[in-house]
Amino acid sequence: MNLIEQLTRIDFTYNEQLIINLILEHTERVLHMSIYELAKFTNSSTSTIVRLCKTGVSGFKEFKIKLTRDLELYYQTINNIDVNMPFQARDSDLLISKKIAQLTQETINSTQSQLSNDVLTKSVDYLLKAQNIIAIGVSNSFIRLVDFQTKLLRINLYVRLTQLQPEQFYLATNATKKDVALIVSYSGNTAEIVNEAKIFKQNGTPIIAITSNPESLLASYASELLLIPNDEKAAFKVSTFSSQLAIEYVLNVLYSCIFNRNFDANYGSQKPTPISTLKF
């Protein structure tokens, strides 16, 4: 059992437990304190700190060495992050950063495992052959689509995209068989998204859908379906970290595949963003 586990499992007195709670909540900070600073920080005495530090070790110096080692080992074992609640109230800033990094890796790996070469190839074909690329999304998904639009502008491809729902309706209404719709919806059942997907379908416009729900109404209208993990199910969550990471990853993959279809020309056409020069 490492030191962190010992500190969470041993029965301490009420006052000692308050000190332990502060040490566990501010572990990285404690590692840089002297025994006098720790006593002041925990509103206790150095003798109390020494007594606590003799829980499995000889004293304060060895306590800090063991705590440093065990904290690093703990960081290395962080996995299977809860996408709805990736961190806890008492987690330190550094621990939160570790957990968000792990969540990012797990989300990307899970999303990549659901991609197939056949679906990607057909989706890229639709996007490159379309007379118009029309993108539909709301809220955070819309923001991801704006970034996708900006990337494609750099290789001279334009995505028709508008934030207002009535204008999205007109984009769908005026679409033809020669266009392609790129629709993003985590649930796949958002009312305005489904209504516009239905219009695209009626117009014969191919639909590339990015969603987590293969049984959704959006999925039923899709010509090609790019699935993302369906893990965010809690009514209340810290944020939509996982779903938005997955959506951004899929859009980045689509952009990269499009770029690669004509790699030399696209690479050669890259231009740096103009930088204004102030002259006085």
Protein backbone atom coordinates (compact mmCIF):
# COMPACT_ATOMS: atom_id res chain seq x y z
CA MET A 1 0.00 0.00 0.00
CA ASN A 2 1.47 3.40 -0.93
CA LEU A 3 1.49 6.43 1.33
CA ILE A 4 -1.49 8.16 -0.30
CA GLU A 5 -3.62 5.04 0.21
CA GLN A 6 -2.44 4.80 3.82
CA LEU A 7 -3.45 8.38 4.51
CA THR A 8 -6.94 7.77 3.14
CA ARG A 9 -7.55 4.50 4.99
CA ILE A 10 -6.05 4.95 8.47
CA ASP A 11 -8.36 6.24 11.23
CA PHE A 12 -7.04 9.56 12.53
CA THR A 13 -8.37 11.90 15.19
CA TYR A 14 -10.66 14.69 13.99
CA ASN A 15 -7.89 17.33 14.05
CA GLU A 16 -5.39 14.99 12.41
CA GLN A 17 -7.90 14.20 9.68
CA LEU A 18 -8.26 17.89 8.91
CA ILE A 19 -4.49 18.08 8.37
CA ILE A 20 -4.49 14.95 6.21
CA ASN A 21 -7.31 16.38 4.10
CA LEU A 22 -5.27 19.52 3.44
CA ILE A 23 -2.18 17.48 2.57
CA LEU A 24 -4.15 15.33 0.09
CA GLU A 25 -5.92 18.34 -1.40
CA HIS A 26 -2.72 20.37 -1.89
CA THR A 27 -0.17 17.58 -2.31
CA GLU A 28 2.01 19.29 -4.93
CA ARG A 29 2.13 22.43 -2.80
CA VAL A 30 2.98 20.48 0.36
CA LEU A 31 5.95 18.84 -1.38
CA HIS A 32 7.64 22.26 -1.56
CA MET A 33 6.99 23.22 2.08
CA SER A 34 9.23 23.02 5.11
CA ILE A 35 7.82 21.42 8.25
CA TYR A 36 7.31 24.90 9.71
CA GLU A 37 5.44 26.09 6.60
CA LEU A 38 3.26 22.99 6.66
CA ALA A 39 2.46 23.51 10.33
CA LYS A 40 1.43 27.10 9.62
CA PHE A 41 -0.53 26.07 6.51
CA THR A 42 -2.50 23.45 8.46
CA ASN A 43 -2.82 25.62 11.58
CA SER A 44 -1.10 22.96 13.66
CA SER A 45 2.24 22.39 15.41
CA THR A 46 5.46 20.87 14.10
CA SER A 47 5.16 18.11 16.72
CA THR A 48 1.75 17.16 15.30
CA ILE A 49 3.21 17.06 11.79
CA VAL A 50 6.10 14.87 12.97
CA ARG A 51 3.65 12.47 14.66
CA LEU A 52 1.56 12.20 11.50
CA CYS A 53 4.64 11.69 9.33
CA LYS A 54 5.62 8.64 11.36
CA THR A 55 2.72 6.79 9.74
CA GLY A 56 4.84 4.19 8.00
CA VAL A 57 7.96 6.39 7.69
CA SER A 58 10.66 7.72 10.00
CA GLY A 59 9.91 11.43 9.78
CA PHE A 60 9.01 14.50 7.73
CA LYS A 61 11.91 14.24 5.24
CA GLU A 62 11.17 10.62 4.36
CA PHE A 63 7.46 11.45 4.32
CA LYS A 64 7.99 14.02 1.53
CA ILE A 65 10.26 11.66 -0.45
CA LYS A 66 7.71 8.84 -0.28
CA LEU A 67 4.83 11.21 -1.01
CA THR A 68 6.64 12.50 -4.12
CA ARG A 69 7.27 8.98 -5.42
CA ASP A 70 3.77 7.70 -4.66
CA LEU A 71 2.14 10.77 -6.20
CA GLU A 72 3.98 10.17 -9.46
CA LEU A 73 3.00 6.49 -9.40
CA TYR A 74 -0.60 7.52 -8.80
CA TYR A 75 -0.51 9.86 -11.80
CA GLN A 76 0.72 6.99 -13.96
CA THR A 77 -2.25 4.80 -13.00
CA ILE A 78 -4.93 7.36 -13.89
CA ASN A 79 -7.21 5.85 -16.55
CA ASN A 80 -10.83 5.19 -17.44
CA ILE A 81 -11.77 8.79 -16.79
CA ASP A 82 -15.46 9.46 -16.19
CA VAL A 83 -16.43 11.69 -19.13
CA ASN A 84 -19.30 13.23 -17.17
CA MET A 85 -17.27 14.00 -14.04
CA PRO A 86 -13.58 13.81 -15.02
CA PHE A 87 -12.31 15.43 -11.83
CA GLN A 88 -13.35 15.79 -8.20
CA ALA A 89 -13.83 18.86 -6.04
CA ARG A 90 -10.63 18.35 -4.03
CA ASP A 91 -8.36 17.57 -7.01
CA SER A 92 -5.38 19.88 -7.39
CA ASP A 93 -4.86 21.93 -10.54
CA LEU A 94 -2.06 19.63 -11.71
CA LEU A 95 -4.15 16.52 -11.08
CA ILE A 96 -6.99 18.02 -13.10
CA SER A 97 -4.55 18.66 -15.94
CA LYS A 98 -3.45 15.01 -15.81
CA LYS A 99 -7.04 13.77 -15.88
CA ILE A 100 -8.05 16.01 -18.79
CA ALA A 101 -4.97 14.84 -20.73
CA GLN A 102 -5.94 11.22 -20.06
CA LEU A 103 -9.56 11.90 -21.03
CA THR A 104 -8.33 13.41 -24.30
CA GLN A 105 -6.22 10.36 -25.12
CA GLU A 106 -8.98 7.90 -24.22
CA THR A 107 -11.57 9.81 -26.27
CA ILE A 108 -9.36 10.02 -29.36
CA ASN A 109 -8.44 6.33 -29.17
CA SER A 110 -12.06 5.29 -28.73
CA THR A 111 -13.20 7.48 -31.64
CA GLN A 112 -10.45 6.27 -33.95
CA SER A 113 -11.36 2.64 -33.28
CA GLN A 114 -14.86 3.29 -34.66
CA LEU A 115 -13.67 4.73 -37.98
CA SER A 116 -13.52 2.57 -41.08
CA ASN A 117 -11.54 3.13 -44.26
CA ASP A 118 -14.61 2.55 -46.42
CA VAL A 119 -16.76 5.18 -44.70
CA LEU A 120 -13.92 7.70 -44.62
CA THR A 121 -13.16 7.21 -48.31
CA LYS A 122 -16.81 7.60 -49.34
CA SER A 123 -17.24 10.66 -47.11
CA VAL A 124 -14.18 12.36 -48.60
CA ASP A 125 -15.40 11.52 -52.10
CA TYR A 126 -18.74 13.19 -51.38
CA LEU A 127 -17.03 16.30 -50.00
CA LEU A 128 -14.63 16.66 -52.95
CA LYS A 129 -17.21 16.00 -55.67
CA ALA A 130 -19.97 18.20 -54.23
CA GLN A 131 -20.96 21.41 -55.89
CA ASN A 132 -21.56 22.86 -52.43
CA ILE A 133 -20.56 21.61 -48.98
CA ILE A 134 -23.27 22.56 -46.48
CA ALA A 135 -22.53 22.17 -42.78
CA ILE A 136 -25.21 22.00 -40.10
CA GLY A 137 -24.67 22.07 -36.33
CA VAL A 138 -25.76 23.92 -33.22
CA SER A 139 -24.03 25.16 -30.06
CA ASN A 140 -20.58 23.61 -29.49
CA SER A 141 -20.86 21.46 -32.61
CA PHE A 142 -21.28 24.62 -34.68
CA ILE A 143 -18.01 25.96 -33.26
CA ARG A 144 -16.21 22.78 -34.36
CA LEU A 145 -17.66 23.25 -37.86
CA VAL A 146 -16.41 26.85 -38.02
CA ASP A 147 -12.89 25.55 -37.40
CA PHE A 148 -13.39 22.94 -40.14
CA GLN A 149 -14.58 25.69 -42.50
CA THR A 150 -11.47 27.77 -41.75
CA LYS A 151 -9.14 24.85 -42.46
CA LEU A 152 -10.76 24.15 -45.82
CA LEU A 153 -10.55 27.82 -46.82
CA ARG A 154 -6.77 27.44 -46.74
CA ILE A 155 -6.98 24.90 -49.56
CA ASN A 156 -9.60 26.83 -51.50
CA LEU A 157 -12.68 24.83 -50.47
CA TYR A 158 -15.67 26.68 -49.09
CA VAL A 159 -18.19 25.36 -46.58
CA ARG A 160 -21.61 26.97 -46.47
CA LEU A 161 -22.32 27.50 -42.80
CA THR A 162 -24.60 29.76 -40.77
CA GLN A 163 -25.31 29.90 -37.05
CA LEU A 164 -28.95 30.95 -37.21
CA GLN A 165 -31.47 28.11 -37.44
CA PRO A 166 -33.79 29.83 -39.97
CA GLU A 167 -30.83 30.32 -42.32
CA GLN A 168 -29.84 26.67 -41.84
CA PHE A 169 -33.36 25.80 -42.93
CA TYR A 170 -32.86 27.77 -46.16
CA LEU A 171 -29.52 26.06 -46.80
CA ALA A 172 -31.30 22.72 -46.54
CA THR A 173 -34.29 23.80 -48.62
CA ASN A 174 -32.12 25.03 -51.50
CA ALA A 175 -29.72 22.06 -51.51
CA THR A 176 -29.64 19.72 -54.51
CA LYS A 177 -28.40 16.24 -55.39
CA LYS A 178 -25.10 17.80 -56.46
CA ASP A 179 -24.41 19.13 -52.96
CA VAL A 180 -23.44 17.33 -49.76
CA ALA A 181 -24.58 18.01 -46.19
CA LEU A 182 -22.18 17.54 -43.29
CA ILE A 183 -24.36 17.34 -40.18
CA VAL A 184 -23.03 17.13 -36.62
CA SER A 185 -25.18 16.18 -33.64
CA TYR A 186 -24.05 14.21 -30.60
CA SER A 187 -27.51 12.83 -29.84
CA GLY A 188 -28.66 12.70 -33.43
CA ASN A 189 -32.15 13.62 -32.25
CA THR A 190 -31.97 17.41 -31.84
CA ALA A 191 -35.20 18.73 -33.32
CA GLU A 192 -33.84 21.37 -35.72
CA ILE A 193 -31.02 19.08 -36.85
CA VAL A 194 -33.41 16.22 -37.62
CA ASN A 195 -35.84 18.52 -39.44
CA GLU A 196 -33.08 19.80 -41.71
CA ALA A 197 -31.70 16.30 -42.29
CA LYS A 198 -35.18 15.27 -43.44
CA ILE A 199 -35.24 18.15 -45.94
CA PHE A 200 -31.82 17.21 -47.29
CA LYS A 201 -33.01 13.63 -47.67
CA GLN A 202 -36.13 14.75 -49.55
CA ASN A 203 -33.97 16.83 -51.89
CA GLY A 204 -31.71 13.86 -52.59
CA THR A 205 -28.71 15.58 -51.01
CA PRO A 206 -26.16 13.08 -49.63
CA ILE A 207 -25.70 13.40 -45.87
CA ILE A 208 -22.50 12.74 -43.92
CA ALA A 209 -23.57 12.48 -40.28
CA ILE A 210 -21.31 12.69 -37.24
CA THR A 211 -23.19 11.38 -34.21
CA SER A 212 -22.87 9.06 -31.23
CA ASN A 213 -26.21 7.33 -31.78
CA PRO A 214 -26.48 4.86 -34.69
CA GLU A 215 -30.20 4.43 -33.89
CA SER A 216 -30.98 8.16 -34.05
CA LEU A 217 -33.20 9.87 -36.60
CA LEU A 218 -30.17 11.67 -38.04
CA ALA A 219 -28.40 8.34 -38.55
CA SER A 220 -31.45 7.00 -40.40
CA TYR A 221 -31.16 9.81 -42.97
CA ALA A 222 -27.37 9.55 -43.42
CA SER A 223 -25.63 8.39 -46.56
CA GLU A 224 -22.43 7.93 -44.53
CA LEU A 225 -22.27 7.62 -40.76
CA LEU A 226 -19.20 8.61 -38.73
CA LEU A 227 -19.76 7.42 -35.17
CA ILE A 228 -18.23 8.92 -32.04
CA PRO A 229 -18.29 7.44 -28.49
CA ASN A 230 -21.65 7.50 -26.75
CA ASP A 231 -20.42 8.03 -23.19
CA GLU A 232 -21.93 11.35 -22.09
CA LYS A 233 -25.20 10.24 -20.57
CA ALA A 234 -25.47 12.06 -17.24
CA ALA A 235 -28.15 14.73 -16.87
CA PHE A 236 -25.55 16.95 -15.22
CA LYS A 237 -21.90 17.01 -16.22
CA VAL A 238 -18.89 19.28 -15.89
CA SER A 239 -18.78 19.90 -19.64
CA THR A 240 -19.04 18.17 -23.00
CA PHE A 241 -15.27 17.61 -23.13
CA SER A 242 -15.37 14.11 -24.59
CA SER A 243 -18.00 14.60 -27.30
CA GLN A 244 -16.43 17.82 -28.57
CA LEU A 245 -12.96 16.27 -28.61
CA ALA A 246 -14.39 13.39 -30.64
CA ILE A 247 -16.19 15.68 -33.10
CA GLU A 248 -13.10 17.85 -33.58
CA TYR A 249 -10.97 14.76 -34.13
CA VAL A 250 -13.32 13.37 -36.82
CA LEU A 251 -13.43 16.74 -38.59
CA ASN A 252 -9.64 16.97 -38.45
CA VAL A 253 -9.42 13.50 -39.98
CA LEU A 254 -11.78 14.52 -42.80
CA TYR A 255 -9.76 17.65 -43.47
CA SER A 256 -6.50 15.70 -43.49
CA CYS A 257 -7.87 13.11 -45.90
CA ILE A 258 -9.15 15.87 -48.20
CA PHE A 259 -5.77 17.60 -48.06
CA ASN A 260 -4.00 14.34 -48.82
CA ARG A 261 -6.03 13.64 -51.97
CA ASN A 262 -4.09 16.44 -53.67
CA PHE A 263 -1.20 16.76 -51.27
CA ASP A 264 1.41 18.47 -53.47
CA ALA A 265 -0.94 21.15 -54.78
CA ASN A 266 -2.49 21.81 -51.37
CA TYR A 267 0.88 21.96 -49.66
CA GLY A 268 2.29 24.25 -52.32
CA SER A 269 -0.65 26.64 -52.10
CA GLN A 270 -0.22 27.30 -48.38
CA LYS A 271 0.32 30.95 -47.53
CA PRO A 272 1.21 32.46 -44.16
CA THR A 273 -1.38 34.64 -42.47
CA PRO A 274 -0.61 38.31 -43.31
CA ILE A 275 0.98 40.23 -40.45
CA SER A 276 0.28 43.94 -40.22
CA THR A 277 3.27 46.20 -39.91
CA LEU A 278 2.83 49.42 -37.96
CA LYS A 279 4.79 52.34 -39.36
CA PHE A 280 5.22 55.55 -37.44
